[in-house]
Amino acid sequence: MSIHVVKVPDIGEGIAEVELVAWHVQVGDVVAEDQALADVMTDKASVEVPSPRAGTVQALGGEVGQMLAVGGELVRIDLSGAAAPAVALRAVAAAPRPAEAATLPTAAAVAAAPTARPLRPIASPALRARAWELGIDLADVRASGSAGRIMQADLDAYIARGAAPARPLALSALPGPRAAALPDATHEIKIVGLRRKIAQKMQEAKRRIPHYSYIEEVDVGELEALRATLNAKWQGQRAHLTLLPFLVRAIVLAASEHPQLNARFDDEAGVLTRHDAVHLGIATQTDAGLLVPVLRDARALDLWACAAEVARLAEAARAGKLVRDELAGSTITLTSLGRLGGIASTPVINHPEVAIVGVNRIVQRPVIRNGAIVARPMMNLSSSFDHRVVDGAVGAAFVQSLRESLEHPASLFIG
């Protein structure tokens, strides 16, 4: 028997261990060269580990959620039958689930009674998460990528054909009397991968940072009128402008007036580092969880360049194609729930930054103008600050600078 050991890869940046996020194979599976074996995650990125050789999986080196040392054994592959052509189906015994599979160095025995089971589809972690959210079995999706890899476009095409979800309807979707008669059920979901990283980061931020929030309303009537005018003038020639590029510009100007807000605080060393350039984190919801891609040197971008870069980062985040440098180094963060933005919120600071600007939805509200009650498009800004280094008056002054710029949008282009 010829055995090849696949080791936990060294992803760089001095990382000594990674989290095992997902298995794409089980003991007894026949794998082809370059087929995905597992997903591992560092603090910044998820990496798919491919098989360097063709063969049969003999043993798995851990369970999902386990931390594995770089250079340790991840998978053992039996190369004995590697010379034979790989096929889509193979008669194997029902292998244990990853949590039940034998860990190294003991391999699970294959039972004598065979069953036919297809190889697991090859897809990125982000695509798998999206398919799971939509209730789609990737085995039903036709792959167009190299080595049988399923691409985002393949999933889009499957959805466009109107295919039914693989998972059953929720209990709430069943008729009333029948749903009420069904027994209660519980579902344990292990928090791993990106969801685990998000949980750890949020917990760390709330544990280490004494937050305070400041909420102010903004009349965005003039801003919305300007935005509509610019979009009408440049329709078909330039990118469509959303509210975001104007908010970015307002934050850049406010940060120049209040540089202590565009900073990162090393509380262990007791050092506050202020930045001249504004590297703006843009909180982005993806199928896999919340990511914060970074808009580099936002001062250097005009409205349309800003709109194009924000759109590019958002698309890369949702497709799972962000590189490490696009997820690190932000100096202040902007978060918005768009139409779900509510009346007010208390956003959590993106540690080790000292401020985060939250945007709530625009709604028509009655306000008094020149002694008369009129309807105006109003939007609340909900911002949070690190009270250790940002006094209440400083945080309030920063938000008032934002309000002034947004209510008088001509000022966004001065200075």
Protein backbone atom coordinates (compact mmCIF):
# COMPACT_ATOMS: atom_id res chain seq x y z
CA MET A 1 0.00 0.00 0.00
CA SER A 2 1.40 3.40 -1.06
CA ILE A 3 0.26 6.25 1.20
CA HIS A 4 0.52 9.99 0.54
CA VAL A 5 0.02 12.37 3.48
CA VAL A 6 -1.52 15.76 2.69
CA LYS A 7 -0.35 18.27 5.27
CA VAL A 8 -2.03 21.39 6.62
CA PRO A 9 -0.73 24.13 4.28
CA ASP A 10 1.39 27.08 5.38
CA ILE A 11 -0.76 30.04 4.33
CA GLY A 12 1.88 32.58 5.31
CA GLU A 13 1.90 35.64 7.58
CA GLY A 14 3.49 33.59 10.37
CA ILE A 15 0.26 31.69 11.07
CA ALA A 16 0.93 28.58 13.18
CA GLU A 17 -2.55 27.01 13.08
CA VAL A 18 -5.75 27.13 11.07
CA GLU A 19 -9.36 26.18 11.73
CA LEU A 20 -10.81 23.20 9.88
CA VAL A 21 -14.00 24.66 8.40
CA ALA A 22 -15.37 21.88 6.18
CA TRP A 23 -14.61 18.45 4.75
CA HIS A 24 -15.37 17.85 1.07
CA VAL A 25 -14.45 14.15 1.27
CA GLN A 26 -15.04 11.19 3.54
CA VAL A 27 -13.09 8.06 4.30
CA GLY A 28 -13.40 5.71 1.32
CA ASP A 29 -13.92 8.44 -1.29
CA VAL A 30 -12.00 8.23 -4.54
CA VAL A 31 -10.44 11.64 -5.25
CA ALA A 32 -8.94 13.06 -8.40
CA GLU A 33 -5.89 15.28 -8.55
CA ASP A 34 -6.79 18.91 -7.68
CA GLN A 35 -10.14 17.87 -6.20
CA ALA A 36 -11.07 19.86 -3.07
CA LEU A 37 -10.38 17.97 0.15
CA ALA A 38 -11.17 20.52 2.86
CA ASP A 39 -11.58 24.21 3.68
CA VAL A 40 -9.36 25.78 6.32
CA MET A 41 -9.56 29.32 7.67
CA THR A 42 -7.20 31.86 9.19
CA ASP A 43 -8.20 35.15 10.80
CA LYS A 44 -8.41 36.74 7.35
CA ALA A 45 -9.24 34.19 4.69
CA SER A 46 -10.73 30.82 3.88
CA VAL A 47 -8.53 28.51 1.80
CA GLU A 48 -9.58 25.41 -0.11
CA VAL A 49 -7.03 22.58 0.12
CA PRO A 50 -6.84 20.51 -3.09
CA SER A 51 -5.59 16.95 -3.41
CA PRO A 52 -2.07 16.81 -4.91
CA ARG A 53 -2.58 13.17 -5.96
CA ALA A 54 -5.35 10.87 -7.12
CA GLY A 55 -6.30 7.97 -4.88
CA THR A 56 -8.61 6.81 -2.10
CA VAL A 57 -9.10 8.70 1.15
CA GLN A 58 -7.82 6.48 3.95
CA ALA A 59 -8.11 8.78 7.00
CA LEU A 60 -9.08 12.32 8.00
CA GLY A 61 -6.98 14.39 10.35
CA GLY A 62 -9.58 16.16 12.44
CA GLU A 63 -13.15 17.31 12.93
CA VAL A 64 -14.86 20.46 11.68
CA GLY A 65 -14.19 23.32 14.08
CA GLN A 66 -10.87 21.87 15.27
CA MET A 67 -7.68 23.95 15.19
CA LEU A 68 -4.92 22.22 13.23
CA ALA A 69 -1.20 22.96 13.35
CA VAL A 70 0.42 24.07 10.11
CA GLY A 71 2.43 21.15 8.76
CA GLY A 72 0.33 18.57 10.60
CA GLU A 73 -1.41 15.70 8.84
CA LEU A 74 -4.69 16.66 7.16
CA VAL A 75 -5.59 13.66 4.97
CA ARG A 76 -4.04 10.31 4.15
CA ILE A 77 -4.55 9.10 0.58
CA ASP A 78 -4.00 5.54 -0.60
CA LEU A 79 -2.35 5.74 -4.03
CA SER A 80 -2.59 2.01 -4.75
CA GLY A 81 -5.39 2.37 -7.27
CA ALA A 82 -4.40 5.81 -8.54
CA ALA A 83 -3.35 4.47 -11.94
CA ALA A 84 -6.93 3.48 -12.78
CA PRO A 85 -9.08 6.22 -14.38
CA ALA A 86 -11.22 8.12 -11.89
CA VAL A 87 -14.95 7.74 -12.40
CA ALA A 88 -17.90 9.78 -11.22
CA LEU A 89 -19.42 6.91 -9.23
CA ARG A 90 -17.67 4.31 -7.10
CA ALA A 91 -18.95 1.35 -5.08
CA VAL A 92 -17.94 2.04 -1.49
CA ALA A 93 -19.32 1.38 1.95
CA ALA A 94 -21.27 4.11 3.67
CA ALA A 95 -18.44 6.09 5.27
CA PRO A 96 -18.89 7.84 8.62
CA ARG A 97 -19.63 11.54 8.75
CA PRO A 98 -16.58 13.76 9.33
CA ALA A 99 -17.34 14.01 13.05
CA GLU A 100 -17.39 10.20 13.26
CA ALA A 101 -14.53 9.44 10.87
CA ALA A 102 -11.36 8.00 12.33
CA THR A 103 -8.67 10.60 12.93
CA LEU A 104 -5.04 10.00 12.13
CA PRO A 105 -3.21 7.71 12.41
CA THR A 106 -6.01 5.07 12.39
CA ALA A 107 -7.90 4.60 9.10
CA ALA A 108 -11.56 3.59 9.07
CA ALA A 109 -12.25 0.16 7.65
CA VAL A 110 -14.43 -0.09 4.55
CA ALA A 111 -17.37 -2.42 4.91
CA ALA A 112 -17.94 -5.18 2.44
CA ALA A 113 -21.43 -4.19 1.31
CA PRO A 114 -21.01 -1.52 -1.41
CA THR A 115 -23.30 1.37 -2.23
CA ALA A 116 -23.00 3.84 -5.08
CA ARG A 117 -22.24 7.39 -4.05
CA PRO A 118 -21.08 10.32 -6.25
CA LEU A 119 -17.99 12.36 -5.48
CA ARG A 120 -18.68 15.63 -3.66
CA PRO A 121 -19.07 18.57 -6.09
CA ILE A 122 -16.11 20.95 -6.28
CA ALA A 123 -17.00 24.54 -5.30
CA SER A 124 -15.62 27.46 -3.29
CA PRO A 125 -16.62 27.95 0.37
CA ALA A 126 -18.59 31.09 -0.51
CA LEU A 127 -20.54 29.27 -3.22
CA ARG A 128 -21.28 26.34 -0.88
CA ALA A 129 -22.59 28.75 1.75
CA ARG A 130 -24.79 30.49 -0.81
CA ALA A 131 -26.18 27.18 -2.07
CA TRP A 132 -26.91 26.06 1.49
CA GLU A 133 -28.79 29.28 2.24
CA LEU A 134 -30.88 28.78 -0.90
CA GLY A 135 -31.55 25.11 -0.13
CA ILE A 136 -29.82 23.91 -3.30
CA ASP A 137 -27.97 20.58 -3.56
CA LEU A 138 -24.80 21.31 -5.57
CA ALA A 139 -24.92 17.77 -6.93
CA ASP A 140 -27.82 18.98 -9.09
CA VAL A 141 -25.89 21.95 -10.52
CA ARG A 142 -24.06 21.49 -13.83
CA ALA A 143 -20.41 22.59 -13.52
CA SER A 144 -18.61 24.60 -16.19
CA GLY A 145 -15.28 25.23 -14.44
CA SER A 146 -12.05 23.33 -14.86
CA ALA A 147 -11.84 19.89 -13.22
CA GLY A 148 -15.61 19.94 -12.76
CA ARG A 149 -15.64 23.02 -10.49
CA ILE A 150 -19.02 24.70 -9.99
CA MET A 151 -18.86 28.46 -10.63
CA GLN A 152 -21.13 31.24 -9.37
CA ALA A 153 -22.51 31.55 -12.92
CA ASP A 154 -23.50 27.86 -12.83
CA LEU A 155 -25.48 28.40 -9.64
CA ASP A 156 -27.09 31.53 -11.12
CA ALA A 157 -28.11 29.53 -14.21
CA TYR A 158 -29.58 26.76 -12.04
CA ILE A 159 -31.62 29.31 -10.10
CA ALA A 160 -32.75 31.00 -13.33
CA ARG A 161 -34.19 27.69 -14.52
CA GLY A 162 -36.52 27.74 -11.53
CA ALA A 163 -35.24 24.55 -9.91
CA ALA A 164 -36.87 23.64 -6.61
CA PRO A 165 -34.87 23.84 -3.34
CA ALA A 166 -33.41 20.59 -2.04
CA ARG A 167 -34.40 21.27 1.59
CA PRO A 168 -38.02 20.82 2.73
CA LEU A 169 -40.28 23.74 3.54
CA ALA A 170 -40.11 25.23 7.02
CA LEU A 171 -42.86 24.24 9.46
CA SER A 172 -44.29 27.75 9.22
CA ALA A 173 -44.96 27.17 5.51
CA LEU A 174 -47.24 24.18 6.16
CA PRO A 175 -51.00 24.52 6.63
CA GLY A 176 -51.95 25.76 10.10
CA PRO A 177 -53.58 22.69 11.75
CA ARG A 178 -51.02 20.25 10.36
CA ALA A 179 -48.09 22.49 11.39
CA ALA A 180 -49.47 22.78 14.92
CA ALA A 181 -49.64 18.99 15.22
CA LEU A 182 -46.01 18.41 14.28
CA PRO A 183 -43.63 17.66 17.15
CA ASP A 184 -41.07 20.21 18.22
CA ALA A 185 -37.57 19.74 16.87
CA THR A 186 -34.16 21.15 17.67
CA HIS A 187 -31.22 21.59 15.33
CA GLU A 188 -27.70 21.95 16.67
CA ILE A 189 -25.53 24.09 14.40
CA LYS A 190 -21.82 24.13 15.07
CA ILE A 191 -20.42 27.65 14.78
CA VAL A 192 -17.32 27.30 12.64
CA GLY A 193 -15.39 29.10 9.92
CA LEU A 194 -16.30 32.67 9.09
CA ARG A 195 -19.27 32.65 11.46
CA ARG A 196 -16.91 31.68 14.28
CA LYS A 197 -14.42 34.39 13.33
CA ILE A 198 -17.18 36.98 13.31
CA ALA A 199 -18.37 35.83 16.74
CA GLN A 200 -14.86 36.02 18.16
CA LYS A 201 -14.23 39.46 16.66
CA MET A 202 -17.51 40.87 17.96
CA GLN A 203 -16.92 39.43 21.41
CA GLU A 204 -13.39 40.84 21.47
CA ALA A 205 -14.58 44.28 20.37
CA LYS A 206 -17.31 44.48 23.03
CA ARG A 207 -15.03 43.07 25.72
CA ARG A 208 -12.14 45.46 25.07
CA ILE A 209 -13.87 48.63 23.89
CA PRO A 210 -16.15 50.75 26.09
CA HIS A 211 -18.66 51.78 23.43
CA TYR A 212 -20.92 54.77 23.40
CA SER A 213 -23.31 55.62 20.59
CA TYR A 214 -24.48 58.95 19.25
CA ILE A 215 -27.52 59.27 16.98
CA GLU A 216 -28.39 62.28 14.85
CA GLU A 217 -31.01 62.86 12.16
CA VAL A 218 -30.09 64.33 8.80
CA ASP A 219 -32.26 66.02 6.18
CA VAL A 220 -31.06 64.49 2.91
CA GLY A 221 -33.47 66.34 0.63
CA GLU A 222 -30.80 68.44 -1.13
CA LEU A 223 -28.44 65.47 -1.33
CA GLU A 224 -31.06 63.24 -2.94
CA ALA A 225 -31.92 66.00 -5.42
CA LEU A 226 -28.24 66.35 -6.36
CA ARG A 227 -27.85 62.61 -6.69
CA ALA A 228 -30.89 62.39 -8.99
CA THR A 229 -29.56 65.26 -11.13
CA LEU A 230 -26.12 63.70 -11.53
CA ASN A 231 -27.55 60.29 -12.38
CA ALA A 232 -29.87 61.81 -14.98
CA LYS A 233 -27.05 63.86 -16.55
CA TRP A 234 -24.57 61.00 -16.80
CA GLN A 235 -27.00 58.15 -17.41
CA GLY A 236 -25.37 55.53 -19.60
CA GLN A 237 -21.99 57.27 -19.46
CA ARG A 238 -20.99 56.85 -15.83
CA ALA A 239 -21.81 54.46 -13.00
CA HIS A 240 -25.10 54.98 -11.16
CA LEU A 241 -24.57 56.86 -7.91
CA THR A 242 -26.06 55.48 -4.73
CA LEU A 243 -25.93 57.27 -1.39
CA LEU A 244 -22.69 55.51 -0.41
CA PRO A 245 -20.17 57.64 -2.41
CA PHE A 246 -21.59 60.81 -0.81
CA LEU A 247 -21.31 59.25 2.65
CA VAL A 248 -17.73 58.26 1.91
CA ARG A 249 -16.91 61.82 0.89
CA ALA A 250 -18.56 63.22 4.02
CA ILE A 251 -16.55 60.85 6.23
CA VAL A 252 -13.31 61.86 4.49
CA LEU A 253 -13.98 65.54 5.17
CA ALA A 254 -15.09 64.94 8.77
CA ALA A 255 -11.98 62.84 9.40
CA SER A 256 -9.76 65.69 8.21
CA GLU A 257 -11.43 67.96 10.80
CA HIS A 258 -11.29 65.30 13.54
CA PRO A 259 -8.20 63.16 12.84
CA GLN A 260 -8.47 61.40 16.20
CA LEU A 261 -11.46 59.49 14.77
CA ASN A 262 -9.49 58.13 11.79
CA ALA A 263 -7.25 56.03 14.00
CA ARG A 264 -6.39 52.62 15.43
CA PHE A 265 -5.80 52.07 19.15
CA ASP A 266 -3.30 49.51 20.41
CA ASP A 267 -4.59 49.24 23.96
CA GLU A 268 -1.85 46.82 25.02
CA ALA A 269 0.92 49.22 24.01
CA GLY A 270 -1.15 52.28 24.95
CA VAL A 271 -0.58 53.86 21.51
CA LEU A 272 -3.16 55.65 19.33
CA THR A 273 -2.07 55.77 15.68
CA ARG A 274 -3.74 58.47 13.60
CA HIS A 275 -3.79 58.10 9.83
CA ASP A 276 -3.70 60.84 7.21
CA ALA A 277 -5.20 58.58 4.55
CA VAL A 278 -8.74 57.34 5.10
CA HIS A 279 -8.89 53.58 4.52
CA LEU A 280 -12.61 53.05 4.89
CA GLY A 281 -14.00 49.66 5.89
CA ILE A 282 -17.33 48.95 4.18
CA ALA A 283 -19.35 46.41 6.19
CA THR A 284 -20.77 43.98 3.61
CA GLN A 285 -23.26 41.18 4.20
CA THR A 286 -22.52 38.00 2.23
CA ASP A 287 -24.03 34.54 2.15
CA ALA A 288 -21.11 33.34 4.26
CA GLY A 289 -21.37 36.13 6.85
CA LEU A 290 -20.31 39.73 7.48
CA LEU A 291 -17.10 40.89 5.79
CA VAL A 292 -15.44 44.32 5.87
CA PRO A 293 -13.54 44.99 2.62
CA VAL A 294 -11.39 48.12 2.66
CA LEU A 295 -11.76 51.13 0.35
CA ARG A 296 -8.14 52.29 0.09
CA ASP A 297 -7.31 56.02 0.33
CA ALA A 298 -10.88 57.20 -0.10
CA ARG A 299 -9.65 60.83 -0.33
CA ALA A 300 -8.22 60.16 -3.79
CA LEU A 301 -11.53 58.97 -5.32
CA ASP A 302 -14.18 61.10 -6.97
CA LEU A 303 -17.85 60.10 -6.65
CA TRP A 304 -17.87 57.75 -9.65
CA ALA A 305 -14.51 56.14 -8.92
CA CYS A 306 -15.72 55.60 -5.36
CA ALA A 307 -19.00 54.07 -6.59
CA ALA A 308 -17.15 51.72 -8.95
CA GLU A 309 -14.66 50.57 -6.29
CA VAL A 310 -17.37 50.03 -3.65
CA ALA A 311 -19.35 47.94 -6.16
CA ARG A 312 -16.25 45.93 -7.07
CA LEU A 313 -15.40 45.20 -3.44
CA ALA A 314 -18.99 44.20 -2.64
CA GLU A 315 -19.17 41.83 -5.61
CA ALA A 316 -15.79 40.29 -4.74
CA ALA A 317 -16.91 39.84 -1.13
CA ARG A 318 -20.14 38.08 -2.10
CA ALA A 319 -18.30 35.87 -4.61
CA GLY A 320 -15.63 34.95 -2.04
CA LYS A 321 -12.87 36.46 -4.20
CA LEU A 322 -11.41 39.08 -1.86
CA VAL A 323 -7.68 38.85 -1.26
CA ARG A 324 -6.17 39.30 2.22
CA ASP A 325 -5.02 42.89 1.60
CA GLU A 326 -8.58 43.89 0.76
CA LEU A 327 -9.76 42.77 4.20
CA ALA A 328 -7.12 44.44 6.38
CA GLY A 329 -5.88 47.87 7.39
CA SER A 330 -9.09 49.90 7.65
CA THR A 331 -8.92 53.05 9.79
CA ILE A 332 -12.65 53.74 10.21
CA THR A 333 -15.73 51.76 9.16
CA LEU A 334 -19.07 52.53 7.53
CA THR A 335 -22.00 50.17 8.04
CA SER A 336 -25.44 50.33 6.47
CA LEU A 337 -28.40 47.98 6.39
CA GLY A 338 -29.92 49.83 3.44
CA ARG A 339 -33.70 49.53 3.39
CA LEU A 340 -33.52 47.38 6.53
CA GLY A 341 -31.72 50.18 8.35
CA GLY A 342 -34.43 50.85 10.92
CA ILE A 343 -34.77 54.07 12.92
CA ALA A 344 -31.58 53.75 14.94
CA SER A 345 -28.86 51.21 15.71
CA THR A 346 -25.79 50.80 17.91
CA PRO A 347 -23.06 49.40 15.64
CA VAL A 348 -20.07 47.54 17.07
CA ILE A 349 -16.67 49.12 16.46
CA ASN A 350 -14.34 47.24 14.14
CA HIS A 351 -11.47 46.63 16.58
CA PRO A 352 -8.81 48.16 16.77
CA GLU A 353 -10.48 51.19 15.18
CA VAL A 354 -12.06 53.83 17.42
CA ALA A 355 -15.17 54.80 15.42
CA ILE A 356 -17.85 53.35 13.19
CA VAL A 357 -20.53 55.27 11.27
CA GLY A 358 -23.93 53.58 10.94
CA VAL A 359 -26.53 54.58 8.37
CA ASN A 360 -30.26 54.02 8.78
CA ARG A 361 -32.90 54.09 6.08
CA ILE A 362 -34.31 57.27 4.53
CA VAL A 363 -37.97 57.92 5.42
CA GLN A 364 -40.38 60.79 4.90
CA ARG A 365 -40.96 62.58 8.22
CA PRO A 366 -42.87 65.71 9.19
CA VAL A 367 -40.48 68.54 10.07
CA ILE A 368 -40.89 72.26 10.65
CA ARG A 369 -39.45 74.54 7.94
CA ASN A 370 -40.06 78.31 8.13
CA GLY A 371 -42.88 77.78 10.61
CA ALA A 372 -44.69 75.21 8.46
CA ILE A 373 -44.90 71.43 8.81
CA VAL A 374 -43.54 69.78 5.69
CA ALA A 375 -42.54 66.25 4.72
CA ARG A 376 -38.82 65.79 4.26
CA PRO A 377 -36.61 62.76 3.48
CA MET A 378 -34.83 62.16 6.78
CA MET A 379 -32.08 59.70 7.65
CA ASN A 380 -30.51 58.87 11.01
CA LEU A 381 -26.78 58.44 11.51
CA SER A 382 -26.04 55.95 14.30
CA SER A 383 -22.36 56.05 15.21
CA SER A 384 -20.32 54.37 17.94
CA PHE A 385 -17.02 55.48 19.49
CA ASP A 386 -14.29 54.15 21.78
CA HIS A 387 -14.79 56.14 24.99
CA ARG A 388 -11.20 55.50 26.09
CA VAL A 389 -9.80 57.80 23.41
CA VAL A 390 -12.84 59.63 22.00
CA ASP A 391 -14.65 61.96 24.39
CA GLY A 392 -18.39 62.45 24.00
CA ALA A 393 -17.99 66.00 22.71
CA VAL A 394 -15.47 64.87 20.09
CA GLY A 395 -17.72 62.09 18.82
CA ALA A 396 -20.69 64.48 18.69
CA ALA A 397 -18.64 67.10 16.80
CA PHE A 398 -17.59 64.47 14.26
CA VAL A 399 -21.21 63.47 13.59
CA GLN A 400 -22.26 67.13 13.33
CA SER A 401 -19.59 67.58 10.65
CA LEU A 402 -21.12 64.67 8.78
CA ARG A 403 -24.59 66.17 9.11
CA GLU A 404 -23.49 69.59 7.83
CA SER A 405 -21.85 68.07 4.74
CA LEU A 406 -24.82 65.85 3.92
CA GLU A 407 -27.43 68.60 4.42
CA HIS A 408 -25.41 71.03 2.29
CA PRO A 409 -23.93 68.72 -0.38
CA ALA A 410 -22.15 71.53 -2.23
CA SER A 411 -19.71 71.57 0.69
CA LEU A 412 -18.68 68.02 -0.17
CA PHE A 413 -16.74 69.41 -3.11
CA ILE A 414 -14.98 72.19 -1.21
CA GLY A 415 -11.68 71.41 0.46
